Protein backbone atom coordinates (compact mmCIF):
# COMPACT_ATOMS: atom_id res chain seq x y z
CA UNK A 1 -31.84 3.44 9.75
CA UNK A 2 -29.11 1.37 8.10
CA UNK A 3 -30.15 2.60 4.66
CA UNK A 4 -30.04 6.20 5.86
CA UNK A 5 -26.53 5.67 7.23
CA UNK A 6 -25.40 4.17 3.93
CA UNK A 7 -26.67 7.23 2.07
CA UNK A 8 -24.99 9.44 4.65
CA UNK A 9 -21.65 7.74 3.97
CA UNK A 10 -22.16 8.13 0.23
CA UNK A 11 -23.08 11.80 0.53
CA UNK A 12 -20.06 12.63 2.69
CA UNK A 13 -17.44 10.62 0.82
CA UNK A 14 -18.48 10.26 -2.81
CA UNK A 15 -16.04 12.89 -4.07
CA UNK A 16 -13.17 11.17 -2.25
CA UNK A 17 -13.94 7.81 -3.80
CA UNK A 18 -14.48 9.49 -7.16
CA UNK A 19 -11.03 11.06 -6.93
CA UNK A 20 -9.57 7.64 -6.11
CA UNK A 21 -11.18 6.14 -9.23
CA UNK A 22 -9.85 8.99 -11.37
CA UNK A 23 -6.28 8.69 -10.06
CA UNK A 24 -6.22 4.89 -10.34
CA UNK A 25 -7.22 5.09 -14.01
CA UNK A 26 -5.18 8.17 -14.85
CA UNK A 27 -2.10 6.29 -16.22
CA UNK A 28 -3.94 4.43 -18.99
CA UNK A 29 -6.19 7.41 -19.76
CA UNK A 30 -3.22 9.78 -20.10
CA UNK A 31 -1.42 7.30 -22.35
CA UNK A 32 -4.55 6.97 -24.48
CA UNK A 33 -4.78 10.75 -24.79
CA UNK A 34 -1.11 11.03 -25.74
CA UNK A 35 -1.51 8.39 -28.44
CA UNK A 36 -4.58 10.18 -29.78
CA UNK A 37 -3.00 13.63 -30.13
CA UNK A 38 0.72 12.96 -30.66
CA UNK A 39 2.28 11.37 -33.72
CA UNK A 40 5.57 11.02 -31.81
CA UNK A 41 3.79 9.00 -29.12
CA UNK A 42 2.61 6.55 -31.79
CA UNK A 43 6.09 6.09 -33.29
CA UNK A 44 7.10 3.04 -31.17
CA UNK A 45 4.01 1.15 -32.36
CA UNK A 46 4.91 1.27 -36.03
CA UNK A 47 6.06 -2.35 -35.92
CA UNK A 48 2.79 -3.65 -34.48
CA UNK A 49 1.51 -6.93 -35.89
CA UNK A 50 -0.03 -10.15 -34.64
CA UNK A 51 3.48 -11.40 -33.98
CA UNK A 52 4.65 -8.34 -32.01
CA UNK A 53 1.51 -7.57 -29.98
CA UNK A 54 3.22 -8.99 -26.87
CA UNK A 55 5.78 -6.17 -26.99
CA UNK A 56 3.20 -3.64 -25.79
CA UNK A 57 0.07 -5.35 -24.49
CA UNK A 58 1.73 -6.69 -21.30
CA UNK A 59 2.75 -3.16 -20.27
CA UNK A 60 -0.84 -2.67 -19.07
CA UNK A 61 -0.09 -5.06 -16.21
CA UNK A 62 2.01 -2.28 -14.70
CA UNK A 63 -1.30 -0.99 -13.30
CA UNK A 64 -1.29 -3.86 -10.80
CA UNK A 65 2.18 -2.92 -9.61
CA UNK A 66 1.24 0.76 -9.29
CA UNK A 67 -1.87 -0.01 -7.22
CA UNK A 68 0.04 -2.30 -4.83
CA UNK A 69 2.88 0.22 -4.42
CA UNK A 70 2.76 3.97 -5.07
CA UNK A 71 -1.05 4.13 -5.37
CA UNK A 72 -1.29 2.96 -1.75
CA UNK A 73 -0.63 6.61 -0.91
CA UNK A 74 -3.95 7.52 -2.55
CA UNK A 75 -5.79 4.67 -0.83
CA UNK A 76 -4.43 5.65 2.58
CA UNK A 77 -5.28 9.32 2.17
CA UNK A 78 -8.83 8.39 1.16
CA UNK A 79 -9.05 6.31 4.34
CA UNK A 80 -7.91 9.29 6.42
CA UNK A 81 -10.29 11.70 4.72
CA UNK A 82 -13.26 9.33 5.06
CA UNK A 83 -12.82 8.87 8.81
CA UNK A 84 -11.82 12.42 9.69
CA UNK A 85 -15.06 13.92 8.35
CA UNK A 86 -17.15 13.06 11.40
CA UNK A 87 -14.39 13.76 13.89
CA UNK A 88 -13.59 17.21 12.52
CA UNK A 89 -17.25 18.22 12.11
CA UNK A 90 -18.36 16.84 15.48
CA UNK A 91 -21.19 14.81 13.94
CA UNK A 92 -19.73 11.63 15.42
CA UNK A 93 -21.24 12.44 18.82
CA UNK A 94 -24.66 12.93 17.23
CA UNK A 95 -24.36 9.41 15.79
CA UNK A 96 -23.83 8.03 19.28
CA UNK A 97 -27.44 8.99 20.07
CA UNK A 98 -28.81 6.84 17.25
CA UNK A 99 -30.33 3.43 18.13
CA UNK A 100 -27.63 1.52 16.24
CA UNK A 101 -25.05 -0.76 17.91
CA UNK A 102 -21.60 0.79 17.71
CA UNK A 103 -20.00 -2.29 16.20
CA UNK A 104 -22.67 -2.39 13.52
CA UNK A 105 -22.07 1.26 12.71
CA UNK A 106 -18.30 0.93 12.45
CA UNK A 107 -18.77 -2.29 10.49
CA UNK A 108 -21.01 -0.44 8.04
CA UNK A 109 -18.58 2.45 7.73
CA UNK A 110 -15.54 0.22 7.21
CA UNK A 111 -17.48 -2.07 4.89
CA UNK A 112 -18.59 0.87 2.78
CA UNK A 113 -14.99 2.00 2.35
CA UNK A 114 -13.73 -1.52 1.67
CA UNK A 115 -16.33 -2.04 -1.08
CA UNK A 116 -15.38 1.24 -2.78
CA UNK A 117 -11.67 0.44 -2.59
CA UNK A 118 -12.17 -3.09 -3.91
CA UNK A 119 -14.32 -1.90 -6.81
CA UNK A 120 -11.89 0.88 -7.74
CA UNK A 121 -8.87 -1.46 -7.65
CA UNK A 122 -10.61 -4.20 -9.63
CA UNK A 123 -11.87 -1.83 -12.29
CA UNK A 124 -8.51 -0.09 -12.77
CA UNK A 125 -6.56 -3.36 -13.08
CA UNK A 126 -8.98 -4.85 -15.63
CA UNK A 127 -9.65 -1.59 -17.46
CA UNK A 128 -5.98 -1.07 -18.37
CA UNK A 129 -5.54 -4.21 -20.56
CA UNK A 130 -8.95 -3.68 -22.15
CA UNK A 131 -8.06 -0.12 -23.19
CA UNK A 132 -4.55 -1.16 -24.24
CA UNK A 133 -5.92 -3.93 -26.43
CA UNK A 134 -8.53 -1.63 -27.92
CA UNK A 135 -5.87 0.92 -28.86
CA UNK A 136 -3.76 -1.80 -30.44
CA UNK A 137 -6.71 -3.04 -32.52
CA UNK A 138 -7.48 0.51 -33.65
CA UNK A 139 -4.12 0.68 -35.43
CA UNK A 140 -5.50 -1.76 -37.97
CA UNK A 141 -2.26 -3.79 -37.95
CA UNK A 142 -3.43 -6.38 -35.44
CA UNK A 143 -6.32 -8.79 -35.93
CA UNK A 144 -8.55 -10.23 -33.24
CA UNK A 145 -7.99 -13.76 -34.53
CA UNK A 146 -4.21 -13.39 -34.45
CA UNK A 147 -3.99 -11.67 -31.06
CA UNK A 148 -6.83 -13.15 -29.00
CA UNK A 149 -4.58 -15.73 -27.32
CA UNK A 150 -2.15 -13.01 -26.24
CA UNK A 151 -4.98 -10.85 -24.89
CA UNK A 152 -6.49 -13.80 -23.01
CA UNK A 153 -3.12 -14.50 -21.35
CA UNK A 154 -2.59 -10.86 -20.35
CA UNK A 155 -6.16 -10.38 -19.14
CA UNK A 156 -5.91 -13.63 -17.18
CA UNK A 157 -2.74 -12.35 -15.49
CA UNK A 158 -4.58 -9.13 -14.60
CA UNK A 159 -7.40 -11.19 -13.09
CA UNK A 160 -4.90 -13.18 -11.00
CA UNK A 161 -3.45 -9.97 -9.60
CA UNK A 162 -6.82 -8.57 -8.49
CA UNK A 163 -7.31 -10.46 -5.16
CA UNK A 164 -3.85 -9.66 -3.83
CA UNK A 165 -3.95 -6.01 -4.93
CA UNK A 166 -7.42 -5.61 -3.39
CA UNK A 167 -6.28 -7.10 -0.07
CA UNK A 168 -3.16 -4.92 0.09
CA UNK A 169 -5.20 -1.82 -0.72
CA UNK A 170 -7.83 -2.65 1.92
CA UNK A 171 -5.08 -3.13 4.52
CA UNK A 172 -3.74 0.35 3.68
CA UNK A 173 -7.26 1.82 3.86
CA UNK A 174 -8.12 0.22 7.21
CA UNK A 175 -4.76 1.09 8.77
CA UNK A 176 -5.07 4.71 7.67
CA UNK A 177 -8.66 4.83 8.95
CA UNK A 178 -7.51 3.55 12.35
CA UNK A 179 -4.76 6.17 12.47
CA UNK A 180 -7.31 8.87 11.58
CA UNK A 181 -9.56 7.66 14.41
CA UNK A 182 -6.93 7.95 17.14
CA UNK A 183 -5.01 11.09 16.12
CA UNK A 184 -6.24 14.55 17.13
CA UNK A 185 -5.45 16.35 13.84
CA UNK A 186 -5.96 15.43 10.19
CA UNK A 187 -2.43 16.48 9.18
CA UNK A 188 -0.97 14.18 11.82
CA UNK A 189 -3.12 11.32 10.52
CA UNK A 190 -2.06 12.02 6.93
CA UNK A 191 1.64 12.13 7.84
CA UNK A 192 1.51 8.93 9.88
CA UNK A 193 -0.46 7.21 7.11
CA UNK A 194 2.21 8.09 4.56
CA UNK A 195 4.87 6.62 6.84
CA UNK A 196 2.72 3.53 7.21
CA UNK A 197 2.38 3.23 3.42
CA UNK A 198 6.15 3.34 3.04
CA UNK A 199 6.57 0.43 5.46
CA UNK A 200 3.65 -1.46 3.92
CA UNK A 201 5.06 -1.00 0.42
CA UNK A 202 8.46 -2.27 1.54
CA UNK A 203 6.83 -5.27 3.18
CA UNK A 204 4.60 -6.08 0.22
CA UNK A 205 7.51 -6.01 -2.23
CA UNK A 206 9.87 -7.94 0.04
CA UNK A 207 10.71 -11.64 -0.07
CA UNK A 208 8.90 -12.36 3.20
CA UNK A 209 6.76 -15.49 2.95
CA UNK A 210 4.05 -13.62 4.85
CA UNK A 211 3.94 -10.91 2.18
CA UNK A 212 4.80 -12.91 -0.91
CA UNK A 213 5.37 -9.84 -3.05
CA UNK A 214 8.97 -10.55 -3.93
CA UNK A 215 8.03 -12.74 -6.89
CA UNK A 216 4.42 -11.61 -7.31
CA UNK A 217 5.37 -9.10 -9.99
CA UNK A 218 8.20 -11.16 -11.41
CA UNK A 219 7.27 -11.47 -15.05
CA UNK A 220 9.90 -13.90 -16.22
CA UNK A 221 9.92 -17.56 -15.20
CA UNK A 222 13.21 -19.15 -14.05
CA UNK A 223 15.79 -19.09 -16.83
CA UNK A 224 13.51 -16.76 -18.79
CA UNK A 225 14.51 -14.31 -21.51
CA UNK A 226 15.05 -11.31 -19.24
CA UNK A 227 18.61 -10.90 -20.53
CA UNK A 228 17.45 -10.56 -24.13
CA UNK A 229 15.05 -7.64 -23.76
CA UNK A 230 14.70 -4.24 -22.17
CA UNK A 231 12.06 -1.57 -21.74
CA UNK A 232 13.08 2.09 -21.70
CA UNK A 233 11.27 5.41 -21.85
CA UNK A 234 12.35 9.01 -22.39
CA UNK A 235 10.96 12.39 -23.37
CA UNK A 236 12.30 12.23 -26.91
CA UNK A 237 11.23 10.24 -29.95
CA UNK A 238 10.49 7.42 -29.60
CA UNK A 239 9.27 7.90 -26.05
CA UNK A 240 9.05 4.15 -25.52
CA UNK A 241 11.37 1.38 -26.67
CA UNK A 242 10.76 -2.34 -26.12
CA UNK A 243 13.51 -4.49 -27.62
CA UNK A 244 11.78 -7.86 -27.64
CA UNK A 245 8.47 -9.67 -27.25
CA UNK A 246 7.42 -10.54 -23.70
CA UNK A 247 6.77 -14.19 -22.89
CA UNK A 248 3.24 -15.21 -22.02
CA UNK A 249 2.64 -14.05 -18.41
CA UNK A 250 2.20 -17.47 -16.83
CA UNK A 251 4.51 -16.58 -13.91
CA UNK A 252 2.87 -13.21 -13.19
CA UNK A 253 0.85 -12.78 -9.97
CA UNK A 254 1.02 -16.28 -8.48
CA UNK A 255 -1.54 -16.90 -5.73
CA UNK A 256 -0.10 -17.75 -2.33
CA UNK A 257 -2.43 -18.54 0.54
CA UNK A 258 -0.16 -17.45 3.40
CA UNK A 259 0.17 -13.81 2.23
CA UNK A 260 -3.55 -13.64 1.51
CA UNK A 261 -4.38 -15.09 4.94
CA UNK A 262 -2.02 -12.58 6.55
CA UNK A 263 -3.74 -9.70 4.75
CA UNK A 264 -7.22 -10.90 5.76
CA UNK A 265 -6.04 -11.25 9.37
CA UNK A 266 -4.66 -7.70 9.34
CA UNK A 267 -7.97 -6.36 8.00
CA UNK A 268 -9.96 -8.11 10.74
CA UNK A 269 -7.61 -6.92 13.50
CA UNK A 270 -7.68 -3.32 12.23
CA UNK A 271 -11.48 -3.37 11.97
CA UNK A 272 -11.88 -4.67 15.52
CA UNK A 273 -9.42 -2.06 16.76
CA UNK A 274 -11.51 0.68 15.13
CA UNK A 275 -14.65 -0.66 16.80
CA UNK A 276 -12.88 -0.49 20.17
CA UNK A 277 -11.67 3.07 19.48
CA UNK A 278 -15.20 4.25 18.69
CA UNK A 279 -16.56 2.60 21.83
CA UNK A 280 -13.93 4.40 23.90
CA UNK A 281 -14.88 7.70 22.26
CA UNK A 282 -18.50 7.16 23.23
CA UNK A 283 -17.57 6.39 26.83
CA UNK A 284 -15.43 9.53 26.96
């Protein structure tokens, strides 16, 4: 029975999770396409060498910031769509007749979504520096021996950002799923979820010690070289201009246990609330 329910979830929601994967990875894929077809897009990278690889390789860490901020909109809408399917089709009441405890069913449904979100976030964050580094090596101006230390530092920073970005994304998913479970219309759930994402994004990027996002994406250590460099982009040529080499990202994505504990607590509370909502629906 559990296996059948897992396949049911996959059959109903695979296109939604597929769209999430595509959107998460769209930034690096679009950049790769632009570099492949446009000579103007490759202009800024004319000065690439082992000594200047840190001008461009760290830009791939922007994927972590996108996922923990604007991409939360995508995560929340996927949460709404995943939980509205049964409510809008009426199949939820058929599920109530199955010999499966309600808490186990909602746990399976939430767990299925959480796994997909976590995998999509992890892949996108780690895929970006891998693709970026591959493109840099393809220029032929950078050697593996001369740039491996820089890549290891950037990839390590991406790894450090994964747990926090996963937790924030799962909070957005679970909160949107709960909203979808208690609202009578999908458009109301989508609107409320977008409002929720705005507040969550503000909280995550604030200086609150419970969120810890204020310095999570702060690249430069205290007294760092932020005054000596700038990054700008435009639609002309060159479309990207980086004036200096980034420092090694040792200060990027510091782990803090209080924000992580807060996120885990929110996920548990939201999951229990969904279980209670589904039990009330069955009683009604």
